[in-house]
N, C-alpha and C. Protein backbone atom coordinates (compact mmCIF):
# COMPACT_ATOMS: atom_id res chain seq x y z
N MET A 1 30.82 13.17 4.49
CA MET A 1 31.70 13.32 3.31
C MET A 1 32.32 11.79 2.73
N ARG A 2 32.19 11.71 1.28
CA ARG A 2 32.72 10.50 0.91
C ARG A 2 33.69 10.46 0.31
N SER A 3 34.65 9.76 0.24
CA SER A 3 36.74 10.21 -0.30
C SER A 3 37.15 9.06 -0.48
N PHE A 4 37.51 9.43 -1.67
CA PHE A 4 38.35 8.52 -3.03
C PHE A 4 39.91 8.91 -2.52
N ALA A 5 40.40 7.31 -3.09
CA ALA A 5 41.96 7.61 -2.75
C ALA A 5 42.69 7.85 -4.54
N SER A 6 41.83 8.03 -5.44
CA SER A 6 42.42 7.97 -7.07
C SER A 6 40.67 8.40 -7.52
N LEU A 7 41.32 8.62 -8.94
CA LEU A 7 40.64 8.44 -9.97
C LEU A 7 39.73 7.52 -9.76
N ALA A 8 40.50 6.00 -10.03
CA ALA A 8 39.85 4.72 -10.09
C ALA A 8 39.19 4.50 -9.13
N ASP A 9 39.53 4.66 -8.28
CA ASP A 9 38.50 4.33 -6.63
C ASP A 9 37.41 5.23 -7.15
N PHE A 10 36.90 6.39 -7.86
CA PHE A 10 35.76 7.19 -7.82
C PHE A 10 35.32 6.69 -8.80
N SER A 11 35.76 5.93 -9.94
CA SER A 11 35.55 5.48 -11.13
C SER A 11 34.60 4.51 -10.59
N ALA A 12 35.00 3.37 -9.81
CA ALA A 12 34.18 2.30 -9.63
C ALA A 12 33.05 2.40 -8.47
N ALA A 13 33.09 4.02 -8.31
CA ALA A 13 31.93 4.46 -8.00
C ALA A 13 30.82 4.67 -8.75
N THR A 14 31.18 4.30 -10.08
CA THR A 14 30.02 4.86 -11.19
C THR A 14 28.54 3.90 -10.96
N GLY A 15 27.02 4.84 -11.00
CA GLY A 15 26.23 4.04 -11.11
C GLY A 15 25.31 4.36 -9.20
N GLU A 16 26.49 5.14 -8.86
CA GLU A 16 26.40 5.03 -7.31
C GLU A 16 25.29 6.39 -6.97
N HIS A 17 24.63 6.76 -5.72
CA HIS A 17 24.86 8.01 -5.43
C HIS A 17 25.80 8.33 -4.40
N LEU A 18 26.68 9.31 -4.60
CA LEU A 18 27.84 9.88 -3.69
C LEU A 18 27.27 10.48 -2.54
N GLY A 19 25.94 10.74 -2.42
CA GLY A 19 25.24 11.80 -1.13
C GLY A 19 24.83 13.20 -1.14
N TYR A 20 24.77 13.53 0.36
CA TYR A 20 24.38 14.63 0.08
C TYR A 20 25.06 15.68 0.71
N SER A 21 25.03 17.24 0.55
CA SER A 21 25.64 18.15 0.86
C SER A 21 25.20 18.82 1.98
N ASP A 22 25.88 19.64 2.90
CA ASP A 22 25.53 20.40 4.34
C ASP A 22 23.80 21.11 3.43
N TRP A 23 23.05 21.78 4.42
CA TRP A 23 21.54 22.10 4.04
C TRP A 23 22.50 23.88 3.74
N LEU A 24 22.14 24.94 2.50
CA LEU A 24 22.64 26.05 2.73
C LEU A 24 21.52 26.78 3.39
N GLU A 25 21.89 27.92 3.32
CA GLU A 25 20.84 28.87 3.73
C GLU A 25 20.71 30.32 2.79
N ILE A 26 19.34 30.45 1.60
CA ILE A 26 19.59 31.25 0.52
C ILE A 26 18.55 32.26 1.17
N THR A 27 19.66 33.87 1.41
CA THR A 27 19.43 34.64 2.30
C THR A 27 19.20 35.80 0.89
N GLN A 28 18.31 37.13 1.33
CA GLN A 28 18.11 38.09 0.47
C GLN A 28 19.63 38.70 -0.13
N HIS A 29 20.39 38.78 0.64
CA HIS A 29 22.08 39.18 1.22
C HIS A 29 22.45 38.56 -0.28
N LYS A 30 22.63 37.48 0.19
CA LYS A 30 23.13 36.52 -1.00
C LYS A 30 22.34 36.37 -2.35
N VAL A 31 20.97 36.45 -2.07
CA VAL A 31 20.74 37.01 -3.97
C VAL A 31 21.07 38.39 -4.48
N ASP A 32 21.05 39.31 -3.58
CA ASP A 32 21.52 40.67 -4.02
C ASP A 32 22.56 40.40 -4.72
N GLN A 33 23.44 40.03 -3.67
CA GLN A 33 24.94 39.84 -4.71
C GLN A 33 24.80 38.77 -5.44
N PHE A 34 24.85 38.29 -5.78
CA PHE A 34 24.72 37.70 -7.34
C PHE A 34 23.91 38.37 -7.97
N ALA A 35 22.78 39.19 -7.81
CA ALA A 35 22.47 39.97 -9.12
C ALA A 35 23.51 40.78 -9.51
N ASP A 36 23.92 41.30 -8.09
CA ASP A 36 25.04 42.94 -8.57
C ASP A 36 26.02 42.49 -9.31
N ALA A 37 26.53 40.97 -9.29
CA ALA A 37 28.00 40.44 -9.78
C ALA A 37 27.32 40.32 -11.51
N THR A 38 25.53 39.71 -11.72
CA THR A 38 25.58 39.19 -12.96
C THR A 38 24.91 40.20 -13.65
N GLY A 39 24.04 41.23 -13.07
CA GLY A 39 23.50 41.91 -13.66
C GLY A 39 22.43 41.53 -13.98
N ASP A 40 21.49 40.89 -13.73
CA ASP A 40 20.47 39.94 -13.91
C ASP A 40 19.66 40.64 -12.40
N LEU A 41 18.96 41.66 -12.43
CA LEU A 41 18.07 42.87 -11.53
C LEU A 41 16.21 42.55 -11.55
N GLN A 42 15.96 41.26 -11.97
CA GLN A 42 14.93 41.33 -12.13
C GLN A 42 14.37 41.30 -10.74
N TRP A 43 12.92 41.68 -10.99
CA TRP A 43 12.04 42.02 -9.76
C TRP A 43 11.61 40.71 -9.07
N ILE A 44 11.44 39.87 -9.33
CA ILE A 44 11.35 38.56 -8.48
C ILE A 44 12.32 38.27 -7.76
N HIS A 45 13.69 38.21 -8.30
CA HIS A 45 14.64 38.03 -7.45
C HIS A 45 15.15 39.29 -6.23
N VAL A 46 14.79 40.57 -6.81
CA VAL A 46 15.49 42.01 -5.44
C VAL A 46 14.67 43.04 -4.62
N ASP A 47 13.49 42.35 -5.52
CA ASP A 47 12.51 43.41 -5.04
C ASP A 47 11.17 43.15 -4.39
N PRO A 48 11.86 42.62 -3.05
CA PRO A 48 10.81 41.67 -1.77
C PRO A 48 9.58 42.24 -1.89
N GLU A 49 9.41 43.55 -2.18
CA GLU A 49 7.81 44.20 -1.68
C GLU A 49 6.66 43.94 -2.73
N ARG A 50 7.76 44.01 -4.49
CA ARG A 50 7.16 43.99 -5.51
C ARG A 50 6.98 41.91 -5.75
N ALA A 51 7.98 41.48 -4.75
CA ALA A 51 7.59 40.33 -5.44
C ALA A 51 6.77 39.93 -4.19
N ALA A 52 6.89 40.10 -3.15
CA ALA A 52 5.09 39.84 -2.43
C ALA A 52 3.80 39.16 -2.99
N SER A 53 3.77 40.34 -4.06
CA SER A 53 2.69 40.31 -4.60
C SER A 53 2.63 39.29 -6.18
N GLY A 54 4.01 39.56 -6.49
CA GLY A 54 4.42 38.40 -7.89
C GLY A 54 3.61 37.23 -7.65
N PRO A 55 4.35 35.64 -8.76
CA PRO A 55 3.77 34.98 -8.96
C PRO A 55 4.24 33.89 -7.85
N PHE A 56 5.52 34.03 -6.92
CA PHE A 56 6.11 33.25 -6.27
C PHE A 56 5.96 33.35 -4.42
N GLY A 57 4.85 34.62 -4.21
CA GLY A 57 5.00 35.23 -2.79
C GLY A 57 5.91 35.39 -2.43
N GLY A 58 6.77 36.30 -2.86
CA GLY A 58 8.10 36.67 -2.41
C GLY A 58 9.36 36.53 -3.82
N THR A 59 10.60 36.57 -3.25
CA THR A 59 11.53 36.85 -4.23
C THR A 59 12.65 35.54 -3.93
N ILE A 60 12.40 35.12 -5.11
CA ILE A 60 13.00 33.52 -5.72
C ILE A 60 14.85 33.94 -6.14
N LEU A 61 15.38 32.72 -6.12
CA LEU A 61 16.82 32.48 -6.28
C LEU A 61 16.88 32.29 -7.67
N HIS A 62 17.37 33.06 -8.72
CA HIS A 62 18.19 32.45 -9.67
C HIS A 62 18.83 31.62 -10.25
N GLY A 63 18.07 31.11 -11.24
CA GLY A 63 18.19 29.95 -11.66
C GLY A 63 19.83 29.83 -12.23
N TYR A 64 20.37 30.98 -12.66
CA TYR A 64 22.01 30.10 -12.61
C TYR A 64 22.60 30.35 -11.66
N MET A 65 22.12 30.64 -10.32
CA MET A 65 22.61 31.06 -9.15
C MET A 65 22.21 29.60 -8.60
N THR A 66 21.47 29.17 -8.24
CA THR A 66 21.41 27.62 -7.95
C THR A 66 22.31 27.23 -8.39
N LEU A 67 22.44 26.55 -9.75
CA LEU A 67 23.81 26.32 -10.64
C LEU A 67 25.11 26.59 -10.08
N ALA A 68 25.66 27.76 -9.64
CA ALA A 68 26.59 28.78 -8.70
C ALA A 68 27.04 27.98 -7.82
N LEU A 69 25.79 27.28 -7.33
CA LEU A 69 25.93 26.77 -5.79
C LEU A 69 26.60 24.85 -5.82
N LEU A 70 26.94 24.61 -6.79
CA LEU A 70 27.15 23.18 -7.53
C LEU A 70 28.50 22.46 -7.11
N PRO A 71 29.34 23.80 -7.35
CA PRO A 71 30.89 23.34 -6.61
C PRO A 71 31.31 23.41 -5.42
N GLU A 72 29.98 24.34 -4.66
CA GLU A 72 30.34 23.90 -2.97
C GLU A 72 29.57 22.82 -2.47
N MET A 73 28.59 22.60 -3.00
CA MET A 73 27.77 21.64 -2.91
C MET A 73 28.87 20.25 -3.08
N MET A 74 29.21 20.10 -4.23
CA MET A 74 30.45 18.97 -4.72
C MET A 74 31.49 18.97 -3.17
N ARG A 75 31.80 19.67 -3.22
CA ARG A 75 33.09 19.90 -2.21
C ARG A 75 32.33 19.43 -1.17
N ALA A 76 31.26 19.30 -0.60
CA ALA A 76 30.87 18.62 0.67
C ALA A 76 30.52 17.03 0.54
N ILE A 77 29.97 17.14 -1.23
CA ILE A 77 29.69 15.28 -1.13
C ILE A 77 31.05 15.03 -1.35
N PHE A 78 32.27 14.60 -1.96
CA PHE A 78 33.28 14.03 -2.02
C PHE A 78 34.11 14.59 -2.42
N ASP A 79 35.19 13.90 -1.93
CA ASP A 79 36.75 14.24 -2.40
C ASP A 79 37.44 12.96 -3.23
N ILE A 80 38.47 13.43 -3.92
CA ILE A 80 39.36 12.43 -4.52
C ILE A 80 40.51 13.12 -3.83
N GLU A 81 41.44 12.13 -3.26
CA GLU A 81 42.86 12.24 -3.13
C GLU A 81 43.84 12.30 -4.35
N ARG A 82 44.83 12.27 -4.52
CA ARG A 82 46.00 12.24 -5.00
C ARG A 82 45.30 12.65 -6.69
N ILE A 83 44.58 13.86 -6.66
CA ILE A 83 44.23 14.68 -7.62
C ILE A 83 44.80 16.23 -7.97
N GLU A 84 44.87 16.43 -9.02
CA GLU A 84 45.46 17.66 -8.82
C GLU A 84 44.37 18.96 -8.77
N MET A 85 43.64 18.70 -9.78
CA MET A 85 42.66 20.30 -10.11
C MET A 85 41.34 18.97 -10.49
N GLY A 86 39.79 20.03 -10.17
CA GLY A 86 38.94 19.53 -11.26
C GLY A 86 38.77 21.18 -12.11
N VAL A 87 37.82 20.24 -12.85
CA VAL A 87 37.57 21.43 -13.86
C VAL A 87 36.27 21.42 -14.32
N ASN A 88 35.43 22.20 -14.51
CA ASN A 88 33.56 22.40 -14.79
C ASN A 88 34.28 22.52 -16.45
N PHE A 89 33.59 20.82 -17.10
CA PHE A 89 33.55 21.17 -18.50
C PHE A 89 32.20 21.61 -19.69
N GLY A 90 30.81 21.45 -18.53
CA GLY A 90 29.81 22.01 -19.12
C GLY A 90 28.53 21.27 -18.04
N LEU A 91 27.32 21.81 -19.20
CA LEU A 91 25.87 20.46 -19.05
C LEU A 91 25.61 20.46 -20.29
N ASP A 92 24.92 19.26 -19.27
CA ASP A 92 24.33 18.65 -20.72
C ASP A 92 23.12 18.40 -20.49
N LYS A 93 22.60 18.80 -19.45
CA LYS A 93 21.10 19.01 -19.89
C LYS A 93 20.68 19.96 -18.12
N VAL A 94 19.89 20.45 -18.32
CA VAL A 94 19.25 21.34 -16.62
C VAL A 94 17.85 21.83 -16.84
N ARG A 95 17.31 21.75 -15.36
CA ARG A 95 16.01 21.41 -15.53
C ARG A 95 15.39 22.35 -13.84
N PHE A 96 14.67 23.51 -14.35
CA PHE A 96 14.22 23.79 -13.22
C PHE A 96 12.84 23.80 -12.56
N PRO A 97 12.52 22.47 -12.33
CA PRO A 97 11.08 22.30 -11.87
C PRO A 97 10.53 22.73 -10.80
N ARG A 98 11.36 23.61 -10.10
CA ARG A 98 10.43 24.57 -8.83
C ARG A 98 11.49 25.69 -8.92
N PRO A 99 10.76 26.87 -8.19
CA PRO A 99 11.35 27.50 -7.84
C PRO A 99 12.21 27.91 -6.26
N VAL A 100 13.27 28.17 -6.26
CA VAL A 100 13.76 28.58 -4.23
C VAL A 100 13.77 29.20 -4.05
N PRO A 101 12.64 30.03 -2.75
CA PRO A 101 11.77 31.09 -2.62
C PRO A 101 13.29 31.66 -1.05
N VAL A 102 13.46 32.42 -1.19
CA VAL A 102 14.75 33.46 -0.78
C VAL A 102 13.98 32.75 0.88
N GLY A 103 14.99 32.58 1.79
CA GLY A 103 15.19 31.90 3.35
C GLY A 103 14.85 30.33 3.12
N ALA A 104 15.01 29.92 2.12
CA ALA A 104 15.18 28.18 1.80
C ALA A 104 15.46 28.04 2.87
N ARG A 105 16.32 26.56 2.64
CA ARG A 105 17.15 26.19 2.32
C ARG A 105 17.32 24.76 1.28
N VAL A 106 18.65 24.76 0.90
CA VAL A 106 18.60 23.61 -0.21
C VAL A 106 20.12 22.96 0.47
N ARG A 107 19.73 21.53 -0.81
CA ARG A 107 21.10 20.97 -0.45
C ARG A 107 21.16 20.57 -1.94
N GLY A 108 22.72 19.71 -1.84
CA GLY A 108 22.73 19.05 -3.12
C GLY A 108 22.59 17.67 -2.95
N GLY A 109 22.49 16.96 -4.22
CA GLY A 109 22.49 15.09 -3.99
C GLY A 109 23.51 15.08 -5.59
N ALA A 110 24.15 13.64 -5.49
CA ALA A 110 25.16 13.73 -6.47
C ALA A 110 24.45 11.90 -6.48
N LYS A 111 24.59 11.66 -8.53
CA LYS A 111 24.51 10.33 -8.46
C LYS A 111 26.07 10.56 -9.83
N LEU A 112 27.10 9.57 -9.84
CA LEU A 112 27.93 9.02 -10.10
C LEU A 112 27.57 9.01 -11.30
N THR A 113 27.02 9.41 -12.74
CA THR A 113 26.92 8.59 -13.84
C THR A 113 27.46 7.94 -14.95
N GLY A 114 28.72 8.49 -14.94
CA GLY A 114 30.17 8.36 -15.84
C GLY A 114 31.39 8.60 -15.89
N VAL A 115 32.32 8.01 -15.85
CA VAL A 115 33.58 7.79 -15.96
C VAL A 115 34.31 7.59 -16.94
N ARG A 116 34.62 8.19 -17.89
CA ARG A 116 35.96 8.35 -18.80
C ARG A 116 37.04 8.80 -18.89
N GLU A 117 37.95 7.43 -19.08
CA GLU A 117 39.28 7.75 -18.82
C GLU A 117 39.85 8.39 -20.34
N THR A 118 40.77 9.48 -20.73
CA THR A 118 41.57 9.75 -21.15
C THR A 118 42.31 8.54 -22.06
N PRO A 119 42.79 9.29 -23.24
CA PRO A 119 44.53 8.35 -23.46
C PRO A 119 45.83 8.88 -22.88
N ALA A 120 44.92 10.17 -22.27
CA ALA A 120 46.78 10.37 -21.51
C ALA A 120 46.87 9.72 -20.51
N GLY A 121 46.01 8.57 -19.83
CA GLY A 121 45.69 8.19 -19.01
C GLY A 121 45.64 9.32 -17.39
N HIS A 122 45.78 10.31 -17.25
CA HIS A 122 45.82 10.90 -16.03
C HIS A 122 44.12 12.09 -16.16
N LEU A 123 43.54 11.78 -16.74
CA LEU A 123 42.29 12.65 -17.04
C LEU A 123 41.43 12.29 -17.32
N ALA A 124 40.28 12.30 -16.64
CA ALA A 124 38.99 11.20 -16.76
C ALA A 124 37.37 12.46 -16.62
N ALA A 125 37.03 12.24 -17.73
CA ALA A 125 35.75 13.06 -17.83
C ALA A 125 34.32 12.40 -17.35
N VAL A 126 33.75 13.12 -16.02
CA VAL A 126 32.97 12.56 -15.11
C VAL A 126 31.62 13.37 -15.63
N ARG A 127 30.51 12.38 -15.12
CA ARG A 127 29.04 12.50 -16.25
C ARG A 127 28.61 12.71 -13.81
N MET A 128 27.56 13.70 -13.47
CA MET A 128 27.01 13.59 -12.52
C MET A 128 25.61 13.73 -12.84
N THR A 129 24.57 13.39 -12.57
CA THR A 129 23.54 13.71 -11.99
C THR A 129 23.21 14.62 -10.83
N VAL A 130 22.99 16.04 -10.78
CA VAL A 130 23.02 16.77 -9.44
C VAL A 130 21.48 17.28 -9.11
N GLN A 131 20.85 16.77 -7.97
CA GLN A 131 19.44 17.47 -7.52
C GLN A 131 19.74 18.17 -6.78
N VAL A 132 18.89 19.41 -6.70
CA VAL A 132 18.72 20.55 -5.56
C VAL A 132 17.69 20.18 -4.93
N GLU A 133 17.90 20.15 -3.97
CA GLU A 133 16.36 19.64 -2.49
C GLU A 133 16.12 21.27 -2.44
N VAL A 134 14.92 21.35 -1.84
CA VAL A 134 14.09 22.42 -1.15
C VAL A 134 14.22 21.80 -0.10
N ASP A 135 14.24 22.27 0.74
CA ASP A 135 13.83 21.36 2.25
C ASP A 135 12.68 22.02 2.69
N GLY A 136 11.73 20.43 2.72
CA GLY A 136 10.73 20.50 3.47
C GLY A 136 9.58 20.35 1.65
N GLN A 137 10.58 20.57 0.51
CA GLN A 137 9.42 20.23 -0.60
C GLN A 137 9.79 19.02 -1.54
N PRO A 138 8.96 18.28 -2.14
CA PRO A 138 9.06 16.74 -2.45
C PRO A 138 9.72 16.88 -4.18
N GLN A 139 9.74 18.00 -4.29
CA GLN A 139 10.49 18.06 -5.85
C GLN A 139 11.52 18.94 -5.81
N SER A 140 12.48 18.29 -6.41
CA SER A 140 13.56 19.23 -6.83
C SER A 140 13.36 20.98 -7.55
N ALA A 141 14.11 21.22 -6.89
CA ALA A 141 14.32 22.90 -7.80
C ALA A 141 15.02 22.81 -9.51
N CYS A 142 15.90 21.74 -8.99
CA CYS A 142 16.85 21.86 -10.44
C CYS A 142 17.76 20.42 -10.13
N VAL A 143 17.94 19.88 -11.44
CA VAL A 143 18.25 18.94 -11.63
C VAL A 143 19.09 19.08 -13.35
N ALA A 144 20.50 19.16 -12.62
CA ALA A 144 21.30 19.37 -13.71
C ALA A 144 22.98 18.03 -13.80
N ASP A 145 22.84 17.54 -15.34
CA ASP A 145 23.60 16.43 -15.60
C ASP A 145 24.71 17.77 -15.76
N THR A 146 25.92 17.19 -15.23
CA THR A 146 27.35 18.43 -14.95
C THR A 146 28.19 17.36 -15.56
N LEU A 147 29.27 17.44 -16.67
CA LEU A 147 30.47 17.59 -17.10
C LEU A 147 31.56 17.71 -16.44
N SER A 148 32.75 16.99 -16.13
CA SER A 148 33.64 17.47 -15.17
C SER A 148 35.46 17.24 -15.58
N LEU A 149 36.29 18.01 -15.60
CA LEU A 149 37.50 17.00 -15.85
C LEU A 149 38.24 16.75 -14.71
N PHE A 150 38.56 15.86 -13.93
CA PHE A 150 39.72 15.48 -12.98
C PHE A 150 41.10 15.22 -13.12
N ILE A 151 41.83 16.30 -13.25
CA ILE A 151 43.23 15.64 -13.40
C ILE A 151 44.22 14.98 -12.61
N ALA A 152 44.47 14.28 -12.77
CA ALA A 152 45.49 13.51 -10.94
C ALA A 152 47.61 13.41 -12.01
N PRO A 153 48.43 13.84 -11.24
CA PRO A 153 48.83 13.99 -11.47
C PRO A 153 49.57 12.55 -11.89
N ALA A 154 50.73 13.05 -13.11
CA ALA A 154 51.31 12.03 -13.94
C ALA A 154 51.61 10.69 -13.28
N THR A 155 52.10 11.07 -12.09
CA THR A 155 52.89 9.56 -11.52
C THR A 155 51.85 9.31 -10.08
N ALA A 156 50.38 9.94 -10.48
CA ALA A 156 49.52 8.90 -9.27
C ALA A 156 49.19 8.07 -9.95
N GLY A 157 48.47 8.27 -11.32
CA GLY A 157 48.21 6.79 -11.90
C GLY A 157 46.85 6.42 -12.01
N GLY A 158 46.04 7.58 -11.58
CA GLY A 158 44.41 7.20 -11.57
C GLY A 158 44.06 7.24 -10.65
């Protein structure tokens, strides 16, 4: 994990690849829990028997579940000290070039592509490109340009 002492130190890393998360195993149980929570019960995700003869040869992870893994991955990649909180602001662009088969391992890698300080002086708008890789596969399963807001205590000075 890469650690930054402040938002200013983090901002100085703009343009750099910040590292990779640990590998996460995608289990059918986790996929089923996500399907139950979201109501997305499409058979390619939740019916292993039917999916075995489907287009992907088995069940696959929901695309939105891939996105839902990003916060856990980012916490494993970097930490910013003296920060009050970070919130997801949105996504500019998301692509799912290949499916993630259930049973696979995935990890995230992040490149810091921009930090913009706000006039308040303790709020930073952060842009990162995050790629979710599937262990043993040459092409990423997800590429997302994420937007976050990081808030430092007013007394910490960024």
